[in-house]
C-alpha atoms as a PDB file:
ATOM      1  CA  MET A   1       0.151   0.117  -0.051  1.00  0.00           C
ATOM      2  CA  VAL A   2       2.819   2.416   0.673  1.00  0.00           C
ATOM      3  CA  GLY A   3       4.078   2.006  -2.776  1.00  0.00           C
ATOM      4  CA  HIS A   4       0.915   3.570  -4.225  1.00  0.00           C
ATOM      5  CA  LEU A   5       1.278   6.732  -2.044  1.00  0.00           C
ATOM      6  CA  PRO A   6       2.472   9.860  -3.735  1.00  0.00           C
ATOM      7  CA  PRO A   7       6.147  10.794  -2.956  1.00  0.00           C
ATOM      8  CA  ALA A   8       5.250  13.611  -0.615  1.00  0.00           C
ATOM      9  CA  ALA A   9       3.070  11.240   1.708  1.00  0.00           C
ATOM     10  CA  ARG A  10       5.949   8.640   1.685  1.00  0.00           C
ATOM     11  CA  ALA A  11       8.351  11.192   2.986  1.00  0.00           C
ATOM     12  CA  LEU A  12       6.291  12.264   5.982  1.00  0.00           C
ATOM     13  CA  PRO A  13       7.473  11.671   9.406  1.00  0.00           C
ATOM     14  CA  VAL A  14       5.793   8.872  11.544  1.00  0.00           C
ATOM     15  CA  PRO A  15       2.788  10.864  13.063  1.00  0.00           C
ATOM     16  CA  LEU A  16      -0.212  10.594  10.942  1.00  0.00           C
ATOM     17  CA  ALA A  17      -1.540  13.915  12.078  1.00  0.00           C
ATOM     18  CA  ARG A  18       1.474  15.744  10.844  1.00  0.00           C
ATOM     19  CA  HIS A  19       0.626  19.399   9.808  1.00  0.00           C
ATOM     20  CA  LEU A  20       1.678  20.241   6.349  1.00  0.00           C
ATOM     21  CA  SER A  21       2.598  23.779   5.307  1.00  0.00           C
ATOM     22  CA  GLY A  22       0.984  25.848   2.566  1.00  0.00           C
ATOM     23  CA  GLY A  23      -2.489  24.517   3.232  1.00  0.00           C
ATOM     24  CA  ALA A  24      -1.533  21.045   1.904  1.00  0.00           C
ATOM     25  CA  ASP A  25      -3.051  17.990   3.495  1.00  0.00           C
ATOM     26  CA  LEU A  26      -3.272  14.356   2.844  1.00  0.00           C
ATOM     27  CA  SER A  27      -6.647  13.149   1.185  1.00  0.00           C
ATOM     28  CA  GLY A  28      -8.849  10.626   2.879  1.00  0.00           C
ATOM     29  CA  GLY A  29      -7.666   7.974   0.509  1.00  0.00           C
ATOM     30  CA  GLN A  30      -4.010   8.760   1.357  1.00  0.00           C
ATOM     31  CA  ARG A  31      -4.742   8.674   5.082  1.00  0.00           C
ATOM     32  CA  GLN A  32      -6.393   5.362   4.699  1.00  0.00           C
ATOM     33  CA  ARG A  33      -3.572   3.942   2.714  1.00  0.00           C
ATOM     34  CA  ILE A  34      -1.089   5.025   5.563  1.00  0.00           C
ATOM     35  CA  ALA A  35      -3.285   3.360   8.050  1.00  0.00           C
ATOM     36  CA  LEU A  36      -3.418   0.094   6.048  1.00  0.00           C
ATOM     37  CA  ALA A  37       0.309   0.212   5.541  1.00  0.00           C
ATOM     38  CA  ARG A  38       0.781   0.517   9.294  1.00  0.00           C
ATOM     39  CA  THR A  39      -1.621  -2.471   9.729  1.00  0.00           C
ATOM     40  CA  LEU A  40       0.275  -4.699   7.256  1.00  0.00           C
ATOM     41  CA  PHE A  41       3.522  -3.660   8.893  1.00  0.00           C
ATOM     42  CA  ALA A  42       2.306  -4.799  12.229  1.00  0.00           C
ATOM     43  CA  LEU A  43       1.222  -8.219  10.719  1.00  0.00           C
ATOM     44  CA  ARG A  44       4.731  -8.731   9.125  1.00  0.00           C
ATOM     45  CA  HIS A  45       6.120  -7.961  12.664  1.00  0.00           C
ATOM     46  CA  GLY A  46       3.887 -10.565  14.571  1.00  0.00           C
ATOM     47  CA  SER A  47       0.655  -9.151  15.300  1.00  0.00           C
ATOM     48  CA  PRO A  48      -1.623 -12.125  15.507  1.00  0.00           C
ATOM     49  CA  VAL A  49      -4.755 -10.105  15.286  1.00  0.00           C
ATOM     50  CA  ILE A  50      -6.022  -7.255  13.334  1.00  0.00           C
ATOM     51  CA  VAL A  51      -9.429  -5.363  13.262  1.00  0.00           C
ATOM     52  CA  LEU A  52     -10.256  -3.399  10.140  1.00  0.00           C
ATOM     53  CA  ASP A  53     -13.451  -1.161  10.037  1.00  0.00           C
ATOM     54  CA  GLU A  54     -14.433  -0.173   6.459  1.00  0.00           C
ATOM     55  CA  PRO A  55     -10.668  -0.407   5.626  1.00  0.00           C
ATOM     56  CA  THR A  56     -11.275   0.664   1.912  1.00  0.00           C
ATOM     57  CA  ALA A  57     -13.996   3.389   2.445  1.00  0.00           C
ATOM     58  CA  THR A  58     -11.995   6.155   1.123  1.00  0.00           C
ATOM     59  CA  LEU A  59     -10.002   4.444  -1.585  1.00  0.00           C
ATOM     60  CA  ASP A  60     -10.775   4.780  -5.139  1.00  0.00           C
ATOM     61  CA  VAL A  61     -12.240   1.587  -6.928  1.00  0.00           C
ATOM     62  CA  ARG A  62      -8.725   0.341  -8.331  1.00  0.00           C
ATOM     63  CA  ALA A  63      -6.816   0.864  -5.003  1.00  0.00           C
ATOM     64  CA  GLU A  64      -9.676  -1.038  -3.276  1.00  0.00           C
ATOM     65  CA  ALA A  65      -9.567  -3.874  -5.898  1.00  0.00           C
ATOM     66  CA  ARG A  66      -5.671  -4.287  -5.513  1.00  0.00           C
ATOM     67  CA  PHE A  67      -6.046  -4.222  -1.789  1.00  0.00           C
ATOM     68  CA  PHE A  68      -8.469  -7.113  -1.458  1.00  0.00           C
ATOM     69  CA  ASP A  69      -6.811  -9.063  -4.317  1.00  0.00           C
ATOM     70  CA  GLU A  70      -3.727  -9.295  -2.036  1.00  0.00           C
ATOM     71  CA  PHE A  71      -5.666  -9.203   1.357  1.00  0.00           C
ATOM     72  CA  ALA A  72      -5.957 -13.075   1.943  1.00  0.00           C
ATOM     73  CA  GLU A  73      -2.341 -13.630   1.438  1.00  0.00           C
ATOM     74  CA  LEU A  74      -1.221 -10.613   3.445  1.00  0.00           C
ATOM     75  CA  THR A  75      -3.536 -11.797   6.384  1.00  0.00           C
ATOM     76  CA  GLN A  76      -2.403 -15.602   6.271  1.00  0.00           C
ATOM     77  CA  GLY A  77      -2.037 -16.907   9.704  1.00  0.00           C
ATOM     78  CA  ALA A  78      -3.609 -13.824  11.517  1.00  0.00           C
ATOM     79  CA  THR A  79      -7.065 -13.518  12.946  1.00  0.00           C
ATOM     80  CA  THR A  80      -8.878 -10.610  11.187  1.00  0.00           C
ATOM     81  CA  LEU A  81     -12.076  -9.166  12.092  1.00  0.00           C
ATOM     82  CA  LEU A  82     -13.300  -7.321   8.953  1.00  0.00           C
ATOM     83  CA  ILE A  83     -16.182  -4.817   9.520  1.00  0.00           C
ATOM     84  CA  SER A  84     -17.842  -3.754   6.501  1.00  0.00           C
ATOM     85  CA  HIS A  85     -21.272  -2.969   4.760  1.00  0.00           C
ATOM     86  CA  ARG A  86     -19.870  -3.842   1.311  1.00  0.00           C
ATOM     87  CA  PHE A  87     -20.812  -7.297   0.389  1.00  0.00           C
ATOM     88  CA  ALA A  88     -18.145  -7.513  -2.200  1.00  0.00           C
ATOM     89  CA  THR A  89     -15.735  -6.907   0.680  1.00  0.00           C
ATOM     90  CA  VAL A  90     -16.910  -9.582   3.006  1.00  0.00           C
ATOM     91  CA  ARG A  91     -17.821 -12.357   0.708  1.00  0.00           C
ATOM     92  CA  ARG A  92     -14.402 -13.873   0.548  1.00  0.00           C
ATOM     93  CA  ALA A  93     -14.177 -14.077   4.299  1.00  0.00           C
ATOM     94  CA  ASP A  94     -14.053 -17.649   5.919  1.00  0.00           C
ATOM     95  CA  LEU A  95     -16.852 -16.665   8.307  1.00  0.00           C
ATOM     96  CA  ILE A  96     -19.272 -14.015   7.934  1.00  0.00           C
ATOM     97  CA  VAL A  97     -21.484 -12.859  10.832  1.00  0.00           C
ATOM     98  CA  VAL A  98     -24.544 -10.791  10.020  1.00  0.00           C
ATOM     99  CA  LEU A  99     -25.629  -8.538  12.916  1.00  0.00           C
ATOM    100  CA  ALA A 100     -29.060  -6.692  13.319  1.00  0.00           C
ATOM    101  CA  GLY A 101     -30.120  -4.756  16.358  1.00  0.00           C
ATOM    102  CA  GLY A 102     -26.850  -5.639  18.015  1.00  0.00           C
ATOM    103  CA  ARG A 103     -27.382  -9.377  17.813  1.00  0.00           C
ATOM    104  CA  ARG A 104     -26.151 -12.307  15.570  1.00  0.00           C
ATOM    105  CA  VAL A 105     -28.837 -13.258  13.074  1.00  0.00           C
ATOM    106  CA  GLU A 106     -26.861 -15.365  10.602  1.00  0.00           C
ATOM    107  CA  GLN A 107     -23.387 -16.579  10.199  1.00  0.00           C
ATOM    108  CA  GLY A 108     -21.450 -18.911   7.662  1.00  0.00           C
ATOM    109  CA  SER A 109     -19.593 -18.560   4.396  1.00  0.00           C
ATOM    110  CA  HIS A 110     -20.966 -16.362   1.420  1.00  0.00           C
ATOM    111  CA  ASP A 111     -22.308 -19.542  -0.352  1.00  0.00           C
ATOM    112  CA  GLY A 112     -24.079 -20.955   2.786  1.00  0.00           C
ATOM    113  CA  LEU A 113     -25.519 -17.678   3.530  1.00  0.00           C
ATOM    114  CA  MET A 114     -26.725 -17.205   0.157  1.00  0.00           C
ATOM    115  CA  ALA A 115     -28.162 -20.811   0.078  1.00  0.00           C
ATOM    116  CA  LEU A 116     -29.992 -19.950   3.573  1.00  0.00           C
ATOM    117  CA  ASP A 117     -31.685 -17.190   1.571  1.00  0.00           C
ATOM    118  CA  GLY A 118     -32.033 -14.994   4.689  1.00  0.00           C
ATOM    119  CA  ARG A 119     -31.086 -11.424   5.371  1.00  0.00           C
ATOM    120  CA  TYR A 120     -27.409 -11.787   4.054  1.00  0.00           C
ATOM    121  CA  ALA A 121     -28.644 -13.093   0.869  1.00  0.00           C
ATOM    122  CA  SER A 122     -31.358 -10.478   0.496  1.00  0.00           C
ATOM    123  CA  LEU A 123     -28.975  -7.602   1.164  1.00  0.00           C
ATOM    124  CA  PHE A 124     -26.334  -9.039  -1.048  1.00  0.00           C
ATOM    125  CA  ARG A 125     -28.766  -9.105  -3.886  1.00  0.00           C
ATOM    126  CA  LEU A 126     -29.799  -5.555  -3.184  1.00  0.00           C
ATOM    127  CA  GLN A 127     -26.179  -4.441  -3.520  1.00  0.00           C
ATOM    128  CA  ALA A 128     -25.784  -6.566  -6.492  1.00  0.00           C
ATOM    129  CA  ARG A 129     -28.685  -4.984  -8.494  1.00  0.00           C
ATOM    130  CA  ARG A 130     -26.850  -1.601  -8.332  1.00  0.00           C
ATOM    131  CA  PHE A 131     -24.109  -2.858 -10.766  1.00  0.00           C
ATOM    132  CA  ALA A 132     -24.558  -3.517 -14.491  1.00  0.00           C
ATOM    133  CA  GLY A 133     -28.083  -4.577 -14.253  1.00  0.00           C
ATOM    134  CA  CYS A 134     -27.086  -7.613 -12.106  1.00  0.00           C
ATOM    135  CA  THR A 135     -30.300  -9.196 -10.522  1.00  0.00           C
ATOM    136  CA  GLY A 136     -28.820 -12.174  -8.742  1.00  0.00           C
ATOM    137  CA  ASP A 137     -25.592 -13.656  -7.164  1.00  0.00           C
ATOM    138  CA  PRO A 138     -22.722 -12.604  -9.585  1.00  0.00           C
ATOM    139  CA  THR A 139     -20.484 -15.325  -8.287  1.00  0.00           C
END
């Protein structure tokens, strides 16, 4: 992720809240890339657990796709709690837990939850319909 930052952001000292002169600031996507790079650094240095809450919310579509293409390999051997409302993001997870009203209402794999045809499947189809006229499970 750091390799995709502009040179000015890569040259920043450690603090993320660094104030830049001349009205310059990092974009939300740049801040998120730095946070993800720090998370991946922690993983490479032995962190057994990571928690990501909407980790790609401010990234552009290409950066998000690149991140998730590598995500499973990067988190191999670590416990990862990924919080997201984007079903394209969670569909690759080993275990998906669906919450409603603060309670677990469904859990399983993407395929298992689609076969259950409950809340997850309904919401997945709702999101899928927004893309290219898709009306079902685009798996």
